[in-house]
Amino acid sequence: SFDPDALAILSGIGSLAGTAIQDARLFDQLQNAHQRYRDLYNNSIDAIFITDGTGKILETNHPALDFTGLPQYELLQKFISEIHQMDTEILGGKLESIDPKDTLSYESELITQSEPKVPIQVHVHMIQIAGLYHLQWTFRDITERKELDQLRDDLLSMVYHDLRSP
């Protein structure tokens, strides 16, 4: 048998142990969620850039490095406006003024090391990381789509020409 003081101490130790076990489970779940996010982020087929409100690149995924042909240390010294032509009509005057609920989309051209320019579809929206707002830019290569559009236009031009002068 235990006296009341020892029983209170043992009860407190048991409560602390239970809390520690629950915290360890929550920490493990958090670590797993972070790993899933990192896997999704780095294994995306699209180039993803995280910038601050001024457009300074803070983080990139692996496809962004492959897509631009630049090493990460060099990309992290650039602004997003240095690697593609921004559509100021859609983005507005300041990047910080983008509504967190909106995802803005436009077509642009990526300036790469190897090729002169690559046509891209740009999606940008506001995200929150550790209580601070950042911009997430997703670039998708639309070269094939542009080539197919050009082929379609050429075909239509040929058909139209043949119909006008058989």
C-alpha atoms as a PDB file:
ATOM      1  CA  SER A   1       0.000   0.000   0.000  1.00  0.00           C
ATOM      2  CA  PHE A   2       1.095   3.546  -0.712  1.00  0.00           C
ATOM      3  CA  ASP A   3       0.600   6.583   1.427  1.00  0.00           C
ATOM      4  CA  PRO A   4      -1.392   9.449  -0.171  1.00  0.00           C
ATOM      5  CA  ASP A   5       1.725  11.501  -1.021  1.00  0.00           C
ATOM      6  CA  ALA A   6       3.425   8.585  -2.813  1.00  0.00           C
ATOM      7  CA  LEU A   7       0.180   7.779  -4.638  1.00  0.00           C
ATOM      8  CA  ALA A   8      -0.096  11.416  -5.822  1.00  0.00           C
ATOM      9  CA  ILE A   9       3.533  11.339  -7.037  1.00  0.00           C
ATOM     10  CA  LEU A  10       3.033   8.029  -8.858  1.00  0.00           C
ATOM     11  CA  SER A  11      -0.173   9.319 -10.419  1.00  0.00           C
ATOM     12  CA  GLY A  12       1.657  12.449 -11.610  1.00  0.00           C
ATOM     13  CA  ILE A  13       4.493  10.344 -13.088  1.00  0.00           C
ATOM     14  CA  GLY A  14       1.954   8.138 -14.864  1.00  0.00           C
ATOM     15  CA  SER A  15       0.204  11.186 -16.267  1.00  0.00           C
ATOM     16  CA  LEU A  16       3.513  12.633 -17.502  1.00  0.00           C
ATOM     17  CA  ALA A  17       4.429   9.297 -19.104  1.00  0.00           C
ATOM     18  CA  GLY A  18       1.073   9.167 -20.879  1.00  0.00           C
ATOM     19  CA  THR A  19       1.528  12.722 -22.151  1.00  0.00           C
ATOM     20  CA  ALA A  20       5.062  11.924 -23.335  1.00  0.00           C
ATOM     21  CA  ILE A  21       3.818   8.865 -25.246  1.00  0.00           C
ATOM     22  CA  GLN A  22       1.032  10.892 -26.862  1.00  0.00           C
ATOM     23  CA  ASP A  23       3.492  13.669 -27.787  1.00  0.00           C
ATOM     24  CA  ALA A  24       5.853  11.079 -29.317  1.00  0.00           C
ATOM     25  CA  ARG A  25       2.995   9.708 -31.458  1.00  0.00           C
ATOM     26  CA  LEU A  26       2.002  13.216 -32.576  1.00  0.00           C
ATOM     27  CA  PHE A  27       5.629  14.039 -33.378  1.00  0.00           C
ATOM     28  CA  ASP A  28       5.901  10.856 -35.453  1.00  0.00           C
ATOM     29  CA  GLN A  29       2.700  11.744 -37.335  1.00  0.00           C
ATOM     30  CA  LEU A  30       4.048  15.243 -37.962  1.00  0.00           C
ATOM     31  CA  GLN A  31       7.343  13.838 -39.269  1.00  0.00           C
ATOM     32  CA  ASN A  32       5.428  11.500 -41.598  1.00  0.00           C
ATOM     33  CA  ALA A  33       3.289  14.388 -42.868  1.00  0.00           C
ATOM     34  CA  HIS A  34       6.426  16.459 -43.537  1.00  0.00           C
ATOM     35  CA  GLN A  35       7.986  13.556 -45.427  1.00  0.00           C
ATOM     36  CA  ARG A  36       4.838  13.102 -47.552  1.00  0.00           C
ATOM     37  CA  TYR A  37       4.838  16.823 -48.334  1.00  0.00           C
ATOM     38  CA  ARG A  38       8.537  16.755 -49.273  1.00  0.00           C
ATOM     39  CA  ASP A  39       7.989  13.708 -51.505  1.00  0.00           C
ATOM     40  CA  LEU A  40       5.046  15.393 -53.262  1.00  0.00           C
ATOM     41  CA  TYR A  41       6.963  18.652 -53.584  1.00  0.00           C
ATOM     42  CA  ASN A  42      10.180  17.159 -54.934  1.00  0.00           C
ATOM     43  CA  ASN A  43       8.565  14.469 -57.115  1.00  0.00           C
ATOM     44  CA  SER A  44       6.139  16.834 -58.825  1.00  0.00           C
ATOM     45  CA  ILE A  45       6.405  16.910 -62.607  1.00  0.00           C
ATOM     46  CA  ASP A  46       6.112  20.712 -62.489  1.00  0.00           C
ATOM     47  CA  ALA A  47       8.760  23.187 -61.408  1.00  0.00           C
ATOM     48  CA  ILE A  48       7.774  24.806 -58.096  1.00  0.00           C
ATOM     49  CA  PHE A  49       9.300  27.974 -56.662  1.00  0.00           C
ATOM     50  CA  ILE A  50       8.573  29.544 -53.275  1.00  0.00           C
ATOM     51  CA  THR A  51       9.198  33.294 -53.097  1.00  0.00           C
ATOM     52  CA  ASP A  52       8.717  36.056 -50.599  1.00  0.00           C
ATOM     53  CA  GLY A  53       6.394  38.992 -51.311  1.00  0.00           C
ATOM     54  CA  THR A  54       9.052  40.776 -53.364  1.00  0.00           C
ATOM     55  CA  GLY A  55       9.595  37.785 -55.651  1.00  0.00           C
ATOM     56  CA  LYS A  56      12.953  36.684 -54.185  1.00  0.00           C
ATOM     57  CA  ILE A  57      13.269  32.913 -54.639  1.00  0.00           C
ATOM     58  CA  LEU A  58      13.504  31.181 -51.264  1.00  0.00           C
ATOM     59  CA  GLU A  59      13.064  27.525 -52.196  1.00  0.00           C
ATOM     60  CA  THR A  60      12.779  25.299 -55.276  1.00  0.00           C
ATOM     61  CA  ASN A  61      12.011  21.670 -55.967  1.00  0.00           C
ATOM     62  CA  HIS A  62      14.192  19.280 -58.004  1.00  0.00           C
ATOM     63  CA  PRO A  63      12.227  19.671 -61.280  1.00  0.00           C
ATOM     64  CA  ALA A  64      12.795  23.452 -61.070  1.00  0.00           C
ATOM     65  CA  LEU A  65      16.536  22.864 -61.081  1.00  0.00           C
ATOM     66  CA  ASP A  66      16.270  20.528 -64.086  1.00  0.00           C
ATOM     67  CA  PHE A  67      13.859  22.842 -65.884  1.00  0.00           C
ATOM     68  CA  THR A  68      15.962  26.001 -65.547  1.00  0.00           C
ATOM     69  CA  GLY A  69      19.345  24.301 -65.859  1.00  0.00           C
ATOM     70  CA  LEU A  70      20.610  26.369 -62.940  1.00  0.00           C
ATOM     71  CA  PRO A  71      22.129  25.065 -59.705  1.00  0.00           C
ATOM     72  CA  GLN A  72      20.126  25.721 -56.552  1.00  0.00           C
ATOM     73  CA  TYR A  73      22.598  28.213 -55.047  1.00  0.00           C
ATOM     74  CA  GLU A  74      22.297  30.324 -58.204  1.00  0.00           C
ATOM     75  CA  LEU A  75      18.478  30.135 -58.309  1.00  0.00           C
ATOM     76  CA  LEU A  76      18.257  31.208 -54.663  1.00  0.00           C
ATOM     77  CA  GLN A  77      20.058  34.444 -55.574  1.00  0.00           C
ATOM     78  CA  LYS A  78      17.478  35.391 -58.214  1.00  0.00           C
ATOM     79  CA  PHE A  79      14.051  36.949 -58.302  1.00  0.00           C
ATOM     80  CA  ILE A  80      11.195  35.125 -60.024  1.00  0.00           C
ATOM     81  CA  SER A  81      11.002  37.958 -62.563  1.00  0.00           C
ATOM     82  CA  GLU A  82      14.547  37.104 -63.710  1.00  0.00           C
ATOM     83  CA  ILE A  83      13.605  33.611 -64.878  1.00  0.00           C
ATOM     84  CA  HIS A  84      10.314  34.309 -66.656  1.00  0.00           C
ATOM     85  CA  GLN A  85       8.343  37.151 -68.135  1.00  0.00           C
ATOM     86  CA  MET A  86       5.724  38.134 -65.556  1.00  0.00           C
ATOM     87  CA  ASP A  87       2.250  39.195 -66.682  1.00  0.00           C
ATOM     88  CA  THR A  88       1.786  42.458 -64.801  1.00  0.00           C
ATOM     89  CA  GLU A  89      -1.835  42.815 -65.951  1.00  0.00           C
ATOM     90  CA  ILE A  90      -2.818  39.602 -64.189  1.00  0.00           C
ATOM     91  CA  LEU A  91      -0.464  39.934 -61.204  1.00  0.00           C
ATOM     92  CA  GLY A  92      -1.197  43.581 -60.562  1.00  0.00           C
ATOM     93  CA  GLY A  93       1.248  46.124 -59.225  1.00  0.00           C
ATOM     94  CA  LYS A  94       2.534  44.326 -56.144  1.00  0.00           C
ATOM     95  CA  LEU A  95       2.992  40.632 -55.515  1.00  0.00           C
ATOM     96  CA  GLU A  96       2.051  41.091 -51.852  1.00  0.00           C
ATOM     97  CA  SER A  97      -1.442  42.188 -52.907  1.00  0.00           C
ATOM     98  CA  ILE A  98      -2.385  38.798 -54.390  1.00  0.00           C
ATOM     99  CA  ASP A  99      -5.491  37.531 -52.615  1.00  0.00           C
ATOM    100  CA  PRO A 100      -4.713  34.349 -50.607  1.00  0.00           C
ATOM    101  CA  LYS A 101      -7.924  32.782 -51.953  1.00  0.00           C
ATOM    102  CA  ASP A 102      -6.968  33.288 -55.612  1.00  0.00           C
ATOM    103  CA  THR A 103      -4.781  31.263 -57.935  1.00  0.00           C
ATOM    104  CA  LEU A 104      -3.616  33.396 -60.830  1.00  0.00           C
ATOM    105  CA  SER A 105      -2.702  31.762 -64.141  1.00  0.00           C
ATOM    106  CA  TYR A 106      -1.071  33.028 -67.293  1.00  0.00           C
ATOM    107  CA  GLU A 107       1.223  31.916 -70.100  1.00  0.00           C
ATOM    108  CA  SER A 108       4.794  33.106 -70.219  1.00  0.00           C
ATOM    109  CA  GLU A 109       8.265  32.121 -71.332  1.00  0.00           C
ATOM    110  CA  LEU A 110      10.952  30.644 -69.108  1.00  0.00           C
ATOM    111  CA  ILE A 111      14.456  31.907 -69.642  1.00  0.00           C
ATOM    112  CA  THR A 112      16.791  28.895 -69.356  1.00  0.00           C
ATOM    113  CA  GLN A 113      20.504  28.259 -69.674  1.00  0.00           C
ATOM    114  CA  SER A 114      20.261  25.753 -72.527  1.00  0.00           C
ATOM    115  CA  GLU A 115      17.388  26.996 -74.691  1.00  0.00           C
ATOM    116  CA  PRO A 116      16.520  30.581 -75.537  1.00  0.00           C
ATOM    117  CA  LYS A 117      12.961  30.503 -74.111  1.00  0.00           C
ATOM    118  CA  VAL A 118      10.518  27.770 -73.149  1.00  0.00           C
ATOM    119  CA  PRO A 119       6.749  28.407 -73.213  1.00  0.00           C
ATOM    120  CA  ILE A 120       5.215  27.786 -69.788  1.00  0.00           C
ATOM    121  CA  GLN A 121       1.882  27.927 -67.995  1.00  0.00           C
ATOM    122  CA  VAL A 122       2.328  29.794 -64.699  1.00  0.00           C
ATOM    123  CA  HIS A 123       0.124  29.311 -61.637  1.00  0.00           C
ATOM    124  CA  VAL A 124       0.774  31.502 -58.601  1.00  0.00           C
ATOM    125  CA  HIS A 125      -0.985  31.649 -55.270  1.00  0.00           C
ATOM    126  CA  MET A 126      -0.358  32.758 -51.712  1.00  0.00           C
ATOM    127  CA  ILE A 127       0.626  30.145 -49.135  1.00  0.00           C
ATOM    128  CA  GLN A 128       1.397  30.385 -45.456  1.00  0.00           C
ATOM    129  CA  ILE A 129       4.575  28.867 -44.034  1.00  0.00           C
ATOM    130  CA  ALA A 130       5.314  29.221 -40.321  1.00  0.00           C
ATOM    131  CA  GLY A 131       2.866  32.100 -40.016  1.00  0.00           C
ATOM    132  CA  LEU A 132       4.383  34.093 -42.907  1.00  0.00           C
ATOM    133  CA  TYR A 133       2.841  34.563 -46.327  1.00  0.00           C
ATOM    134  CA  HIS A 134       4.823  33.447 -49.353  1.00  0.00           C
ATOM    135  CA  LEU A 135       4.037  32.915 -53.025  1.00  0.00           C
ATOM    136  CA  GLN A 136       4.103  29.501 -54.642  1.00  0.00           C
ATOM    137  CA  TRP A 137       4.844  29.563 -58.371  1.00  0.00           C
ATOM    138  CA  THR A 138       4.194  26.452 -60.448  1.00  0.00           C
ATOM    139  CA  PHE A 139       5.643  26.331 -63.957  1.00  0.00           C
ATOM    140  CA  ARG A 140       4.422  23.752 -66.481  1.00  0.00           C
ATOM    141  CA  ASP A 141       6.195  23.247 -69.803  1.00  0.00           C
ATOM    142  CA  ILE A 142       3.654  23.740 -72.606  1.00  0.00           C
ATOM    143  CA  THR A 143       6.039  23.331 -75.545  1.00  0.00           C
ATOM    144  CA  GLU A 144       4.157  20.316 -76.923  1.00  0.00           C
ATOM    145  CA  ARG A 145       0.827  22.096 -76.683  1.00  0.00           C
ATOM    146  CA  LYS A 146       2.226  25.125 -78.511  1.00  0.00           C
ATOM    147  CA  GLU A 147       3.646  22.868 -81.238  1.00  0.00           C
ATOM    148  CA  LEU A 148       0.281  21.119 -81.631  1.00  0.00           C
ATOM    149  CA  ASP A 149      -1.475  24.486 -81.816  1.00  0.00           C
ATOM    150  CA  GLN A 150       0.941  25.563 -84.535  1.00  0.00           C
ATOM    151  CA  LEU A 151       0.343  22.321 -86.463  1.00  0.00           C
ATOM    152  CA  ARG A 152      -3.423  22.838 -86.196  1.00  0.00           C
ATOM    153  CA  ASP A 153      -3.122  26.414 -87.411  1.00  0.00           C
ATOM    154  CA  ASP A 154      -0.942  25.297 -90.329  1.00  0.00           C
ATOM    155  CA  LEU A 155      -3.446  22.592 -91.260  1.00  0.00           C
ATOM    156  CA  LEU A 156      -6.342  25.043 -91.126  1.00  0.00           C
ATOM    157  CA  SER A 157      -4.388  27.493 -93.285  1.00  0.00           C
ATOM    158  CA  MET A 158      -3.693  24.785 -95.863  1.00  0.00           C
ATOM    159  CA  VAL A 159      -7.328  23.644 -95.926  1.00  0.00           C
ATOM    160  CA  TYR A 160      -8.537  27.234 -96.195  1.00  0.00           C
ATOM    161  CA  HIS A 161      -6.060  27.926 -99.013  1.00  0.00           C
ATOM    162  CA  ASP A 162      -7.088  24.763-100.882  1.00  0.00           C
ATOM    163  CA  LEU A 163     -10.776  25.636-100.549  1.00  0.00           C
ATOM    164  CA  ARG A 164     -10.237  29.171-101.848  1.00  0.00           C
ATOM    165  CA  SER A 165      -8.163  28.106-104.868  1.00  0.00           C
ATOM    166  CA  PRO A 166      -8.834  24.468-105.802  1.00  0.00           C
END
